[in-house]
C-alpha atoms as a PDB file:
ATOM      1  CA  MET A   1      -9.522  98.558 103.778  1.00  0.00           C
ATOM      2  CA  GLN A   2     -12.263 100.813 102.623  1.00  0.00           C
ATOM      3  CA  CYS A   3     -13.496 100.547  99.148  1.00  0.00           C
ATOM      4  CA  ASN A   4     -15.276 103.192  97.050  1.00  0.00           C
ATOM      5  CA  LEU A   5     -18.879 101.825  96.975  1.00  0.00           C
ATOM      6  CA  SER A   6     -19.632 102.811  93.214  1.00  0.00           C
ATOM      7  CA  SER A   7     -16.339 101.103  91.774  1.00  0.00           C
ATOM      8  CA  GLY A   8     -15.367  98.726  94.335  1.00  0.00           C
ATOM      9  CA  GLN A   9     -11.575 100.078  94.238  1.00  0.00           C
ATOM     10  CA  PRO A  10      -9.653 101.028  97.092  1.00  0.00           C
ATOM     11  CA  THR A  11      -9.460 104.873  97.811  1.00  0.00           C
ATOM     12  CA  ALA A  12      -6.277 106.826  98.850  1.00  0.00           C
ATOM     13  CA  GLN A  13      -7.579 106.988 102.334  1.00  0.00           C
ATOM     14  CA  SER A  14      -7.826 103.193 102.513  1.00  0.00           C
ATOM     15  CA  ILE A  15      -4.197 102.893 101.733  1.00  0.00           C
ATOM     16  CA  PRO A  16      -2.250 102.786 104.871  1.00  0.00           C
ATOM     17  CA  ARG A  17      -0.252 106.076 105.784  1.00  0.00           C
ATOM     18  CA  TRP A  18       3.167 104.090 105.791  1.00  0.00           C
ATOM     19  CA  LEU A  19       2.531 102.473 102.586  1.00  0.00           C
ATOM     20  CA  ARG A  20       1.513 105.846 100.811  1.00  0.00           C
ATOM     21  CA  GLY A  21       4.798 107.339 102.231  1.00  0.00           C
ATOM     22  CA  VAL A  22       6.796 104.285 100.700  1.00  0.00           C
ATOM     23  CA  LEU A  23       5.127 104.723  97.205  1.00  0.00           C
ATOM     24  CA  PHE A  24       5.669 108.427  97.364  1.00  0.00           C
ATOM     25  CA  SER A  25       9.395 107.798  98.078  1.00  0.00           C
ATOM     26  CA  VAL A  26       9.853 105.425  95.368  1.00  0.00           C
ATOM     27  CA  VAL A  27       8.128 107.589  92.798  1.00  0.00           C
ATOM     28  CA  PHE A  28      10.313 110.466  93.860  1.00  0.00           C
ATOM     29  CA  VAL A  29      13.591 108.606  93.651  1.00  0.00           C
ATOM     30  CA  VAL A  30      12.787 107.142  90.194  1.00  0.00           C
ATOM     31  CA  LEU A  31      11.769 110.665  89.102  1.00  0.00           C
ATOM     32  CA  CYS A  32      15.036 112.067  90.356  1.00  0.00           C
ATOM     33  CA  ASN A  33      17.218 109.610  88.910  1.00  0.00           C
ATOM     34  CA  ALA A  34      15.551 110.248  85.542  1.00  0.00           C
ATOM     35  CA  ALA A  35      16.193 113.774  85.747  1.00  0.00           C
ATOM     36  CA  LEU A  36      19.649 113.404  86.474  1.00  0.00           C
ATOM     37  CA  TRP A  37      20.162 110.963  83.639  1.00  0.00           C
ATOM     38  CA  VAL A  38      18.524 113.579  81.293  1.00  0.00           C
ATOM     39  CA  VAL A  39      20.859 116.158  82.545  1.00  0.00           C
ATOM     40  CA  GLU A  40      24.001 114.058  82.312  1.00  0.00           C
ATOM     41  CA  THR A  41      22.879 113.045  78.874  1.00  0.00           C
ATOM     42  CA  SER A  42      22.473 116.448  77.782  1.00  0.00           C
ATOM     43  CA  LYS A  43      25.922 117.532  79.000  1.00  0.00           C
ATOM     44  CA  PHE A  44      27.490 114.814  76.689  1.00  0.00           C
ATOM     45  CA  ASP A  45      25.440 116.040  73.786  1.00  0.00           C
ATOM     46  CA  HIS A  46      26.448 119.645  74.586  1.00  0.00           C
ATOM     47  CA  TYR A  47      30.189 118.763  74.654  1.00  0.00           C
ATOM     48  CA  ARG A  48      29.948 116.533  71.849  1.00  0.00           C
ATOM     49  CA  SER A  49      28.500 119.296  69.517  1.00  0.00           C
ATOM     50  CA  TYR A  50      32.237 120.870  69.971  1.00  0.00           C
ATOM     51  CA  LEU A  51      33.897 117.746  68.204  1.00  0.00           C
ATOM     52  CA  PRO A  52      34.741 117.951  64.616  1.00  0.00           C
ATOM     53  CA  GLN A  53      32.254 116.639  62.514  1.00  0.00           C
ATOM     54  CA  LYS A  54      34.270 113.797  61.144  1.00  0.00           C
ATOM     55  CA  MET A  55      35.608 112.750  64.403  1.00  0.00           C
ATOM     56  CA  GLU A  56      33.487 109.604  65.479  1.00  0.00           C
ATOM     57  CA  VAL A  57      32.928 108.692  69.089  1.00  0.00           C
ATOM     58  CA  ASP A  58      31.669 105.379  70.333  1.00  0.00           C
ATOM     59  CA  LYS A  59      31.504 105.892  73.895  1.00  0.00           C
ATOM     60  CA  ASP A  60      30.994 108.714  76.447  1.00  0.00           C
ATOM     61  CA  VAL A  61      33.533 108.400  78.972  1.00  0.00           C
ATOM     62  CA  PHE A  62      33.297 111.198  81.517  1.00  0.00           C
ATOM     63  CA  VAL A  63      31.647 114.586  81.556  1.00  0.00           C
ATOM     64  CA  GLY A  64      31.917 117.190  84.439  1.00  0.00           C
ATOM     65  CA  SER A  65      31.555 121.130  84.665  1.00  0.00           C
ATOM     66  CA  GLN A  66      31.272 123.749  87.335  1.00  0.00           C
ATOM     67  CA  MET A  67      29.785 127.314  87.051  1.00  0.00           C
ATOM     68  CA  GLY A  68      31.537 130.080  88.542  1.00  0.00           C
ATOM     69  CA  GLY A  69      29.344 133.045  87.906  1.00  0.00           C
ATOM     70  CA  PHE A  70      26.678 134.311  85.366  1.00  0.00           C
ATOM     71  CA  VAL A  71      28.799 133.042  82.238  1.00  0.00           C
ATOM     72  CA  GLU A  72      31.918 131.797  83.753  1.00  0.00           C
ATOM     73  CA  GLY A  73      32.484 128.083  84.424  1.00  0.00           C
ATOM     74  CA  CYS A  74      34.820 125.360  83.364  1.00  0.00           C
ATOM     75  CA  GLY A  75      34.403 121.941  82.413  1.00  0.00           C
ATOM     76  CA  VAL A  76      35.800 118.598  80.699  1.00  0.00           C
ATOM     77  CA  ALA A  77      34.193 116.020  78.705  1.00  0.00           C
ATOM     78  CA  VAL A  78      35.959 112.794  77.649  1.00  0.00           C
ATOM     79  CA  PHE A  79      34.841 110.625  74.663  1.00  0.00           C
ATOM     80  CA  HIS A  80      36.415 107.359  73.374  1.00  0.00           C
ATOM     81  CA  LEU A  81      36.945 107.501  69.601  1.00  0.00           C
ATOM     82  CA  SER A  82      35.560 105.086  67.076  1.00  0.00           C
ATOM     83  CA  ALA A  83      37.817 102.506  65.456  1.00  0.00           C
ATOM     84  CA  THR A  84      37.193 104.318  62.205  1.00  0.00           C
ATOM     85  CA  SER A  85      38.360 107.576  63.522  1.00  0.00           C
ATOM     86  CA  LEU A  86      41.533 106.073  65.179  1.00  0.00           C
ATOM     87  CA  LYS A  87      42.488 104.216  62.103  1.00  0.00           C
ATOM     88  CA  GLU A  88      42.380 107.364  60.042  1.00  0.00           C
ATOM     89  CA  ILE A  89      44.248 109.370  62.915  1.00  0.00           C
ATOM     90  CA  ALA A  90      46.906 106.369  62.887  1.00  0.00           C
ATOM     91  CA  THR A  91      47.229 106.679  58.960  1.00  0.00           C
ATOM     92  CA  ASN A  92      47.944 110.509  58.859  1.00  0.00           C
ATOM     93  CA  PRO A  93      47.347 112.254  62.275  1.00  0.00           C
ATOM     94  CA  LEU A  94      47.782 115.836  61.305  1.00  0.00           C
ATOM     95  CA  GLY A  95      46.376 115.388  57.744  1.00  0.00           C
ATOM     96  CA  PHE A  96      43.128 113.805  59.401  1.00  0.00           C
ATOM     97  CA  LEU A  97      42.850 116.284  62.088  1.00  0.00           C
ATOM     98  CA  ASN A  98      43.785 119.558  60.134  1.00  0.00           C
ATOM     99  CA  SER A  99      41.099 118.595  57.456  1.00  0.00           C
ATOM    100  CA  HIS A 100      38.350 118.310  59.998  1.00  0.00           C
ATOM    101  CA  THR A 101      38.438 121.429  61.814  1.00  0.00           C
ATOM    102  CA  SER A 102      34.644 122.353  61.590  1.00  0.00           C
ATOM    103  CA  PRO A 103      32.781 121.580  64.959  1.00  0.00           C
ATOM    104  CA  ARG A 104      29.275 119.855  64.915  1.00  0.00           C
ATOM    105  CA  ASN A 105      27.530 122.817  66.204  1.00  0.00           C
ATOM    106  CA  GLY A 106      28.671 124.914  63.271  1.00  0.00           C
ATOM    107  CA  LYS A 107      30.526 127.659  65.528  1.00  0.00           C
ATOM    108  CA  HIS A 108      34.127 128.685  64.934  1.00  0.00           C
ATOM    109  CA  PRO A 109      36.317 126.195  63.627  1.00  0.00           C
ATOM    110  CA  TYR A 110      39.377 124.834  65.346  1.00  0.00           C
ATOM    111  CA  GLY A 111      42.694 126.313  64.713  1.00  0.00           C
ATOM    112  CA  GLN A 112      45.700 124.495  63.618  1.00  0.00           C
ATOM    113  CA  TRP A 113      46.228 121.164  65.108  1.00  0.00           C
ATOM    114  CA  VAL A 114      49.655 120.554  66.780  1.00  0.00           C
ATOM    115  CA  GLU A 115      51.417 117.315  68.240  1.00  0.00           C
ATOM    116  CA  THR A 116      52.160 117.508  71.826  1.00  0.00           C
ATOM    117  CA  SER A 117      55.885 117.341  72.781  1.00  0.00           C
ATOM    118  CA  THR A 118      58.063 117.559  75.722  1.00  0.00           C
ATOM    119  CA  ASN A 119      58.997 121.068  75.172  1.00  0.00           C
ATOM    120  CA  VAL A 120      57.339 123.891  73.407  1.00  0.00           C
ATOM    121  CA  ASN A 121      53.911 122.600  71.976  1.00  0.00           C
ATOM    122  CA  GLN A 122      51.685 121.874  74.924  1.00  0.00           C
ATOM    123  CA  PRO A 123      47.999 122.730  75.392  1.00  0.00           C
ATOM    124  CA  SER A 124      47.724 125.469  77.812  1.00  0.00           C
ATOM    125  CA  LEU A 125      44.354 124.629  79.387  1.00  0.00           C
ATOM    126  CA  PHE A 126      45.606 121.137  80.172  1.00  0.00           C
ATOM    127  CA  ASN A 127      49.409 121.675  80.744  1.00  0.00           C
ATOM    128  CA  HIS A 128      49.388 124.793  82.854  1.00  0.00           C
ATOM    129  CA  VAL A 129      47.385 123.216  85.665  1.00  0.00           C
ATOM    130  CA  ALA A 130      49.312 119.847  85.628  1.00  0.00           C
ATOM    131  CA  ASN A 131      51.531 121.118  88.566  1.00  0.00           C
ATOM    132  CA  SER A 132      49.654 124.015  90.063  1.00  0.00           C
ATOM    133  CA  GLU A 133      46.474 124.456  92.286  1.00  0.00           C
ATOM    134  CA  GLU A 134      44.440 126.380  89.628  1.00  0.00           C
ATOM    135  CA  VAL A 135      40.939 125.253  89.153  1.00  0.00           C
ATOM    136  CA  THR A 136      40.650 125.111  85.356  1.00  0.00           C
ATOM    137  CA  GLY A 137      40.280 122.366  82.744  1.00  0.00           C
ATOM    138  CA  PRO A 138      40.790 118.877  84.050  1.00  0.00           C
ATOM    139  CA  ASN A 139      41.310 120.451  87.554  1.00  0.00           C
ATOM    140  CA  CYS A 140      37.923 122.108  87.844  1.00  0.00           C
ATOM    141  CA  VAL A 141      35.894 118.918  88.157  1.00  0.00           C
ATOM    142  CA  ASN A 142      36.604 115.739  89.811  1.00  0.00           C
ATOM    143  CA  VAL A 143      37.905 113.699  86.838  1.00  0.00           C
ATOM    144  CA  PRO A 144      38.764 110.129  88.066  1.00  0.00           C
ATOM    145  CA  THR A 145      42.586 110.159  89.077  1.00  0.00           C
ATOM    146  CA  GLY A 146      43.649 107.509  86.566  1.00  0.00           C
ATOM    147  CA  LEU A 147      42.027 109.326  83.745  1.00  0.00           C
ATOM    148  CA  LYS A 148      43.328 112.766  84.775  1.00  0.00           C
ATOM    149  CA  ARG A 149      46.773 111.054  84.927  1.00  0.00           C
ATOM    150  CA  SER A 150      46.543 109.861  81.374  1.00  0.00           C
ATOM    151  CA  ILE A 151      45.209 113.248  80.104  1.00  0.00           C
ATOM    152  CA  LEU A 152      47.816 115.190  81.781  1.00  0.00           C
ATOM    153  CA  SER A 153      50.707 112.809  80.815  1.00  0.00           C
ATOM    154  CA  ALA A 154      49.576 113.112  77.102  1.00  0.00           C
ATOM    155  CA  THR A 155      50.123 116.825  77.086  1.00  0.00           C
ATOM    156  CA  THR A 156      53.981 116.566  77.800  1.00  0.00           C
ATOM    157  CA  SER A 157      54.724 113.757  75.378  1.00  0.00           C
ATOM    158  CA  PRO A 158      54.686 113.222  71.653  1.00  0.00           C
ATOM    159  CA  GLY A 159      51.940 111.252  69.978  1.00  0.00           C
ATOM    160  CA  SER A 160      48.943 113.206  70.995  1.00  0.00           C
ATOM    161  CA  TYR A 161      47.411 116.366  69.283  1.00  0.00           C
ATOM    162  CA  PHE A 162      45.630 119.487  70.260  1.00  0.00           C
ATOM    163  CA  SER A 163      43.852 122.592  68.783  1.00  0.00           C
ATOM    164  CA  GLY A 164      41.603 125.201  70.198  1.00  0.00           C
ATOM    165  CA  LEU A 165      38.508 127.032  69.228  1.00  0.00           C
ATOM    166  CA  ASN A 166      39.988 130.025  71.321  1.00  0.00           C
ATOM    167  CA  ARG A 167      42.211 130.617  74.143  1.00  0.00           C
ATOM    168  CA  ASN A 168      39.571 129.315  76.723  1.00  0.00           C
ATOM    169  CA  THR A 169      38.736 126.231  74.541  1.00  0.00           C
ATOM    170  CA  GLU A 170      40.792 123.374  73.749  1.00  0.00           C
ATOM    171  CA  LEU A 171      40.536 119.740  72.321  1.00  0.00           C
ATOM    172  CA  LEU A 172      42.975 117.058  72.855  1.00  0.00           C
ATOM    173  CA  VAL A 173      43.265 113.840  71.071  1.00  0.00           C
ATOM    174  CA  ILE A 174      45.082 110.937  72.672  1.00  0.00           C
ATOM    175  CA  PRO A 175      45.339 108.091  69.957  1.00  0.00           C
ATOM    176  CA  ASP A 176      47.258 105.741  72.420  1.00  0.00           C
ATOM    177  CA  VAL A 177      44.337 105.272  74.698  1.00  0.00           C
ATOM    178  CA  GLY A 178      41.704 106.509  72.139  1.00  0.00           C
ATOM    179  CA  LEU A 179      40.357 109.466  73.801  1.00  0.00           C
ATOM    180  CA  ALA A 180      39.110 112.901  72.644  1.00  0.00           C
ATOM    181  CA  VAL A 181      39.131 115.359  75.577  1.00  0.00           C
ATOM    182  CA  PHE A 182      37.268 118.680  75.364  1.00  0.00           C
ATOM    183  CA  SER A 183      37.989 121.224  77.938  1.00  0.00           C
ATOM    184  CA  HIS A 184      36.931 124.884  78.478  1.00  0.00           C
ATOM    185  CA  ASP A 185      37.652 127.678  81.118  1.00  0.00           C
ATOM    186  CA  ARG A 186      35.666 130.822  80.814  1.00  0.00           C
END
């Protein structure tokens, strides 16, 4: 090993080439993982901004999105609701939801909240894809199978609630499993 005569420290040239390669690879992998973590965290933060202000979440469950052009894309974010929000929803579901329609980001408020059912009241972004090959909502990204099954099942049975910001953006609340599911398709 060569040393810098003035400081007594090893120089870059004195570290074996293979060790420099290993060190570079380790640093590169660590930096890439940190960058991916920041991107995923910012996705959750972005989607969380669409939740009503008073809807508390205590866990990020899943997020995924896909771009299909300059401004086109689709995505879904799943959050676990806090015990406080679940308790308030259980007490008076539509009363709680309809009194908290302003999203955190201050954009347009949600419309009227509606309970899902087996006939007429079904969220379009979630339900029209349940038996189709269309790439939208929960089908546009690789939502884990069990989670996707829970989401789509909740759209066709009573006990869940949905509202939309517009025809391309919906929020589904599934109290039975404690989830809030935001979906968009543009």
